[in-house]
Each structure stands twice: as structure tokens, then as C-alpha cells.
């Protein structure tokens, strides 16, 4: 008699966000406040791509788009300005920095409230 192996039960689907999205959301305000704004392009991109591709955080995609837009505005101003400073952190207006940090904080709150 040949027995047909039964598949193992599937693990329950997790509502937790991917770890790279969580780490990136924490890194964005730290980098902007710590004057490493140009390097913050990496976590901003990871959050945007993560919310567009992963079903677990797809509900946050509008907020991630707002975060990317809030980051892209001072970046574009810095790149297009002929007399800009040597770094994005020095050229960024404090309102843009506060806006980026605030949107990242809202995303963090929404992410952790959604997981409960």
C-alpha cells in the first residue's frame, strides 16, 4: 500500500508588517533629525516599495506616498537649485524636516495600532 503524504498545516497568516518596513520607518526620523537626510532616501524607498508590494501593509500606501512626496520636495529643491548647500540636511528647510518626521511618526502609529 502506498500512502499519500499529507501536507503540513499552513502557518497562520501574520498581520505583522515586514521587518524591513518597521526598521525603515524608525530610521527615517532618526536620519533626518541626525542630519543624514540624503541617506534617508533608502528607507523612504523601502517603505514605499514595501507598502506597494506587500499585502500586510498595503493599507498604508497612501501615507507612504505622502512620506515619499514630503521627502522628494526638499530633495528636488536641493538638486535643482544652482546655489544649494553641500548637503541636503543643510539646505532643507526645518518645516520639511518636521513634516517628514511627522508623517513617519503617523505611519509608525498606524502600523503598530493596526497590528494590535
N, C-alpha and C. Protein backbone atom coordinates (compact mmCIF):
# COMPACT_ATOMS: atom_id res chain seq x y z
N UNK A 1 0.82 -1.18 0.00
CA UNK A 1 0.00 0.00 0.00
C UNK A 1 0.87 1.24 0.00
N UNK A 2 0.57 2.09 -0.89
CA UNK A 2 1.30 3.35 -0.90
C UNK A 2 0.45 4.41 -0.22
N UNK A 3 1.08 5.11 0.61
CA UNK A 3 0.35 6.16 1.30
C UNK A 3 0.74 7.51 0.72
N UNK A 4 -0.25 8.32 0.56
CA UNK A 4 -0.02 9.67 0.04
C UNK A 4 0.27 10.58 1.22
N UNK A 5 1.43 11.23 1.18
CA UNK A 5 1.75 12.11 2.31
C UNK A 5 0.80 13.32 2.34
N UNK A 6 0.39 13.64 3.52
CA UNK A 6 -0.47 14.81 3.67
C UNK A 6 0.40 16.03 3.93
N UNK A 7 0.04 17.13 3.34
CA UNK A 7 0.86 18.33 3.55
C UNK A 7 0.72 18.83 4.98
N UNK A 8 1.78 19.45 5.44
CA UNK A 8 1.76 20.02 6.78
C UNK A 8 0.78 21.19 6.81
N UNK A 9 0.14 21.41 7.94
CA UNK A 9 -0.79 22.55 8.01
C UNK A 9 -0.04 23.87 7.79
N UNK A 10 -0.70 24.75 7.11
CA UNK A 10 -0.10 26.05 6.83
C UNK A 10 -0.05 26.90 8.09
N UNK A 11 0.98 27.66 8.19
CA UNK A 11 1.09 28.57 9.33
C UNK A 11 0.05 29.67 9.19
N UNK A 12 -0.50 30.14 10.30
CA UNK A 12 -1.47 31.22 10.18
C UNK A 12 -0.83 32.47 9.60
N UNK A 13 -1.57 33.16 8.78
CA UNK A 13 -1.02 34.36 8.17
C UNK A 13 -0.82 35.43 9.24
N UNK A 14 0.29 36.06 9.14
CA UNK A 14 0.65 37.07 10.12
C UNK A 14 0.20 38.45 9.63
N UNK A 15 -0.30 39.25 10.53
CA UNK A 15 -0.67 40.62 10.19
C UNK A 15 0.50 41.56 10.42
N UNK A 16 1.58 41.04 10.93
CA UNK A 16 2.73 41.89 11.21
C UNK A 16 3.34 42.41 9.92
N UNK A 17 3.78 43.62 9.99
CA UNK A 17 4.45 44.24 8.84
C UNK A 17 5.82 43.60 8.66
N UNK A 18 6.33 43.63 7.46
CA UNK A 18 7.69 43.12 7.25
C UNK A 18 8.70 43.91 8.10
N UNK A 19 9.69 43.21 8.55
CA UNK A 19 10.67 43.83 9.44
C UNK A 19 11.39 45.00 8.76
N UNK A 20 11.67 44.88 7.46
CA UNK A 20 12.38 45.97 6.80
C UNK A 20 11.54 47.25 6.74
N UNK A 21 10.22 47.13 6.69
CA UNK A 21 9.36 48.32 6.72
C UNK A 21 9.40 48.95 8.11
N UNK A 22 9.34 48.12 9.13
CA UNK A 22 9.39 48.64 10.51
C UNK A 22 10.71 49.35 10.79
N UNK A 23 11.80 48.72 10.43
CA UNK A 23 13.12 49.31 10.67
C UNK A 23 13.29 50.60 9.88
N UNK A 24 12.82 50.58 8.64
CA UNK A 24 12.92 51.78 7.80
C UNK A 24 12.11 52.93 8.37
N UNK A 25 10.92 52.62 8.88
CA UNK A 25 10.09 53.68 9.46
C UNK A 25 10.73 54.29 10.70
N UNK A 26 11.45 53.51 11.46
CA UNK A 26 12.17 54.05 12.61
C UNK A 26 13.40 54.82 12.17
N UNK A 27 14.03 54.39 11.08
CA UNK A 27 15.28 55.02 10.64
C UNK A 27 15.06 56.39 10.01
N UNK A 28 13.93 56.60 9.38
CA UNK A 28 13.70 57.87 8.68
C UNK A 28 13.78 59.07 9.62
N UNK A 29 12.99 59.12 10.72
CA UNK A 29 13.12 60.31 11.58
C UNK A 29 14.49 60.42 12.24
N UNK A 30 15.11 59.29 12.55
CA UNK A 30 16.44 59.34 13.17
C UNK A 30 17.44 59.95 12.20
N UNK A 31 17.38 59.56 10.94
CA UNK A 31 18.32 60.09 9.95
C UNK A 31 18.06 61.56 9.65
N UNK A 32 16.81 61.95 9.55
CA UNK A 32 16.50 63.35 9.24
C UNK A 32 16.91 64.25 10.41
N UNK A 33 16.58 63.85 11.62
CA UNK A 33 16.95 64.65 12.80
C UNK A 33 18.46 64.64 13.00
N UNK A 34 19.10 63.51 12.71
CA UNK A 34 20.54 63.39 12.88
C UNK A 34 21.36 63.96 11.74
N UNK A 35 20.73 64.72 10.84
CA UNK A 35 21.41 65.39 9.74
C UNK A 35 22.00 64.42 8.71
N UNK A 36 21.36 63.28 8.50
CA UNK A 36 21.74 62.34 7.46
C UNK A 36 20.59 62.20 6.46
N UNK A 37 20.05 63.33 6.05
CA UNK A 37 18.85 63.34 5.22
C UNK A 37 19.05 62.69 3.86
N UNK A 38 20.21 62.82 3.28
CA UNK A 38 20.44 62.22 1.97
C UNK A 38 20.41 60.70 2.04
N UNK A 39 20.91 60.15 3.12
CA UNK A 39 20.87 58.69 3.28
C UNK A 39 19.46 58.18 3.58
N UNK A 40 18.57 59.05 3.98
CA UNK A 40 17.20 58.64 4.28
C UNK A 40 16.43 58.26 3.03
N UNK A 41 17.00 58.49 1.86
CA UNK A 41 16.32 58.08 0.63
C UNK A 41 16.16 56.56 0.59
N UNK A 42 17.06 55.83 1.18
CA UNK A 42 16.98 54.37 1.17
C UNK A 42 15.79 53.87 1.99
N UNK A 43 15.64 54.27 3.27
CA UNK A 43 14.46 53.79 3.99
C UNK A 43 13.14 54.33 3.44
N UNK A 44 13.14 55.54 2.89
CA UNK A 44 11.91 56.08 2.29
C UNK A 44 11.51 55.20 1.11
N UNK A 45 12.48 54.84 0.28
CA UNK A 45 12.20 53.97 -0.86
C UNK A 45 11.74 52.58 -0.41
N UNK A 46 12.36 52.05 0.63
CA UNK A 46 11.95 50.74 1.14
C UNK A 46 10.53 50.75 1.66
N UNK A 47 10.15 51.81 2.36
CA UNK A 47 8.78 51.91 2.88
C UNK A 47 7.79 52.02 1.72
N UNK A 48 8.11 52.83 0.74
CA UNK A 48 7.21 52.99 -0.40
C UNK A 48 7.06 51.69 -1.18
N UNK A 49 8.15 51.03 -1.49
CA UNK A 49 8.08 49.76 -2.22
C UNK A 49 7.39 48.69 -1.37
N UNK A 50 7.69 48.66 -0.09
CA UNK A 50 7.07 47.67 0.79
C UNK A 50 5.56 47.82 0.88
N UNK A 51 5.08 49.05 0.95
CA UNK A 51 3.64 49.25 1.05
C UNK A 51 2.94 49.00 -0.28
N UNK A 52 3.64 49.16 -1.37
CA UNK A 52 3.03 48.89 -2.67
C UNK A 52 3.02 47.40 -3.01
N UNK A 53 3.97 46.64 -2.47
CA UNK A 53 4.09 45.23 -2.86
C UNK A 53 3.54 44.24 -1.84
N UNK A 54 3.63 44.56 -0.57
CA UNK A 54 3.24 43.59 0.47
C UNK A 54 1.81 43.83 0.91
N UNK A 55 1.02 42.78 0.90
CA UNK A 55 -0.39 42.88 1.27
C UNK A 55 -0.60 43.29 2.72
N UNK A 56 0.33 42.91 3.58
CA UNK A 56 0.15 43.19 5.01
C UNK A 56 0.18 44.67 5.34
N UNK A 57 0.83 45.46 4.53
CA UNK A 57 0.92 46.90 4.79
C UNK A 57 0.35 47.73 3.63
N UNK A 58 -0.43 47.10 2.80
CA UNK A 58 -0.99 47.80 1.65
C UNK A 58 -1.93 48.93 2.05
N UNK A 59 -2.56 48.83 3.21
CA UNK A 59 -3.47 49.88 3.67
C UNK A 59 -2.74 51.20 3.97
N UNK A 60 -1.45 51.13 4.13
CA UNK A 60 -0.66 52.32 4.47
C UNK A 60 -0.03 52.98 3.24
N UNK A 61 -0.40 52.53 2.06
CA UNK A 61 0.29 53.03 0.87
C UNK A 61 0.08 54.51 0.61
N UNK A 62 -1.09 55.06 0.97
CA UNK A 62 -1.30 56.50 0.78
C UNK A 62 -0.41 57.30 1.70
N UNK A 63 -0.25 56.84 2.91
CA UNK A 63 0.64 57.53 3.85
C UNK A 63 2.09 57.39 3.40
N UNK A 64 2.45 56.23 2.86
CA UNK A 64 3.81 56.06 2.35
C UNK A 64 4.05 56.96 1.14
N UNK A 65 3.04 57.13 0.32
CA UNK A 65 3.17 58.05 -0.81
C UNK A 65 3.34 59.49 -0.35
N UNK A 66 2.61 59.85 0.71
CA UNK A 66 2.76 61.20 1.28
C UNK A 66 4.16 61.38 1.86
N UNK A 67 4.68 60.34 2.50
CA UNK A 67 6.04 60.40 3.03
C UNK A 67 7.06 60.57 1.90
N UNK A 68 6.89 59.82 0.83
CA UNK A 68 7.81 59.94 -0.31
C UNK A 68 7.72 61.32 -0.95
N UNK A 69 6.52 61.86 -1.03
CA UNK A 69 6.35 63.20 -1.59
C UNK A 69 6.96 64.27 -0.68
N UNK A 70 6.77 64.11 0.63
CA UNK A 70 7.36 65.06 1.58
C UNK A 70 8.89 65.00 1.54
N UNK A 71 9.44 63.84 1.24
CA UNK A 71 10.89 63.73 1.13
C UNK A 71 11.39 64.21 -0.23
N UNK A 72 10.60 63.96 -1.28
CA UNK A 72 11.04 64.32 -2.63
C UNK A 72 11.06 65.83 -2.86
N UNK A 73 10.19 66.56 -2.18
CA UNK A 73 10.14 68.01 -2.38
C UNK A 73 11.46 68.70 -2.01
N UNK A 74 11.99 68.52 -0.79
CA UNK A 74 13.27 69.19 -0.50
C UNK A 74 14.43 68.60 -1.30
N UNK A 75 14.34 67.32 -1.65
CA UNK A 75 15.39 66.72 -2.47
C UNK A 75 15.42 67.36 -3.86
N UNK A 76 14.25 67.56 -4.45
CA UNK A 76 14.19 68.21 -5.77
C UNK A 76 14.65 69.66 -5.69
N UNK A 77 14.27 70.36 -4.65
CA UNK A 77 14.71 71.75 -4.49
C UNK A 77 16.23 71.81 -4.37
N UNK A 78 16.80 70.88 -3.61
CA UNK A 78 18.24 70.86 -3.42
C UNK A 78 18.97 70.55 -4.72
N UNK A 79 18.44 69.61 -5.50
CA UNK A 79 19.10 69.22 -6.74
C UNK A 79 18.98 70.31 -7.80
N UNK A 80 17.82 70.94 -7.89
CA UNK A 80 17.58 71.92 -8.94
C UNK A 80 18.10 73.32 -8.64
N UNK A 81 18.43 73.55 -7.40
CA UNK A 81 18.90 74.88 -7.00
C UNK A 81 20.38 75.05 -7.37
N UNK A 82 20.72 76.10 -8.11
CA UNK A 82 22.12 76.24 -8.53
C UNK A 82 23.06 76.63 -7.39
N UNK A 83 22.56 77.31 -6.38
CA UNK A 83 23.41 77.75 -5.29
C UNK A 83 23.13 76.98 -4.00
N UNK A 84 22.78 75.72 -4.11
CA UNK A 84 22.43 74.91 -2.94
C UNK A 84 23.61 74.59 -2.06
N UNK A 85 23.31 74.17 -0.87
CA UNK A 85 24.37 73.79 0.09
C UNK A 85 25.01 72.48 -0.34
N UNK A 86 26.07 72.10 0.36
CA UNK A 86 26.79 70.88 0.01
C UNK A 86 26.03 69.63 0.41
N UNK A 87 25.12 69.73 1.35
CA UNK A 87 24.36 68.54 1.76
C UNK A 87 22.88 68.88 1.83
N UNK A 88 22.06 67.86 1.70
CA UNK A 88 20.62 68.04 1.75
C UNK A 88 20.20 68.51 3.14
N UNK A 89 20.83 68.01 4.17
CA UNK A 89 20.46 68.39 5.54
C UNK A 89 20.66 69.87 5.80
N UNK A 90 21.71 70.44 5.25
CA UNK A 90 21.98 71.86 5.45
C UNK A 90 21.07 72.74 4.60
N UNK A 91 20.60 72.22 3.48
CA UNK A 91 19.77 73.00 2.57
C UNK A 91 18.28 72.85 2.86
N UNK A 92 17.89 71.81 3.58
CA UNK A 92 16.47 71.54 3.84
C UNK A 92 15.90 72.53 4.85
N UNK A 93 14.75 73.08 4.53
CA UNK A 93 14.06 73.97 5.46
C UNK A 93 13.56 73.14 6.64
N UNK A 94 13.60 73.68 7.85
CA UNK A 94 13.15 72.93 9.02
C UNK A 94 11.70 72.45 8.94
N UNK A 95 10.87 73.17 8.21
CA UNK A 95 9.47 72.73 8.06
C UNK A 95 9.41 71.41 7.30
N UNK A 96 10.23 71.26 6.27
CA UNK A 96 10.26 69.99 5.54
C UNK A 96 10.75 68.86 6.44
N UNK A 97 11.77 69.13 7.24
CA UNK A 97 12.25 68.12 8.17
C UNK A 97 11.19 67.71 9.17
N UNK A 98 10.47 68.70 9.70
CA UNK A 98 9.41 68.40 10.66
C UNK A 98 8.27 67.63 9.99
N UNK A 99 7.96 67.97 8.74
CA UNK A 99 6.91 67.27 8.01
C UNK A 99 7.29 65.81 7.76
N UNK A 100 8.51 65.56 7.37
CA UNK A 100 8.97 64.19 7.13
C UNK A 100 8.92 63.38 8.42
N UNK A 101 9.40 63.97 9.50
CA UNK A 101 9.38 63.27 10.79
C UNK A 101 7.94 63.01 11.25
N UNK A 102 7.05 63.99 11.05
CA UNK A 102 5.66 63.83 11.47
C UNK A 102 4.95 62.75 10.67
N UNK A 103 5.15 62.71 9.37
CA UNK A 103 4.50 61.68 8.55
C UNK A 103 5.05 60.30 8.90
N UNK A 104 6.35 60.20 9.14
CA UNK A 104 6.93 58.91 9.55
C UNK A 104 6.37 58.48 10.90
N UNK A 105 6.16 59.43 11.80
CA UNK A 105 5.58 59.10 13.11
C UNK A 105 4.13 58.63 12.97
N UNK A 106 3.37 59.29 12.10
CA UNK A 106 2.00 58.85 11.86
C UNK A 106 1.98 57.45 11.28
N UNK A 107 2.87 57.17 10.35
CA UNK A 107 2.96 55.83 9.79
C UNK A 107 3.31 54.78 10.85
N UNK A 108 4.23 55.13 11.75
CA UNK A 108 4.57 54.21 12.83
C UNK A 108 3.38 53.94 13.73
N UNK A 109 2.65 54.98 14.09
CA UNK A 109 1.48 54.81 14.95
C UNK A 109 0.43 53.96 14.25
N UNK A 110 0.16 54.24 12.99
CA UNK A 110 -0.82 53.46 12.25
C UNK A 110 -0.38 52.01 12.10
N UNK A 111 0.89 51.79 11.89
CA UNK A 111 1.41 50.44 11.73
C UNK A 111 1.24 49.63 13.02
N UNK A 112 1.61 50.21 14.14
CA UNK A 112 1.53 49.46 15.40
C UNK A 112 0.11 49.35 15.93
N UNK A 113 -0.74 50.32 15.66
CA UNK A 113 -2.14 50.21 16.07
C UNK A 113 -2.86 49.16 15.24
N UNK A 114 -2.46 49.02 13.98
CA UNK A 114 -3.07 48.05 13.10
C UNK A 114 -2.70 46.62 13.48
N UNK A 115 -1.53 46.44 14.06
CA UNK A 115 -1.08 45.10 14.43
C UNK A 115 -1.74 44.59 15.70
N UNK A 116 -2.35 45.45 16.46
CA UNK A 116 -2.99 45.00 17.70
C UNK A 116 -4.28 44.33 17.47
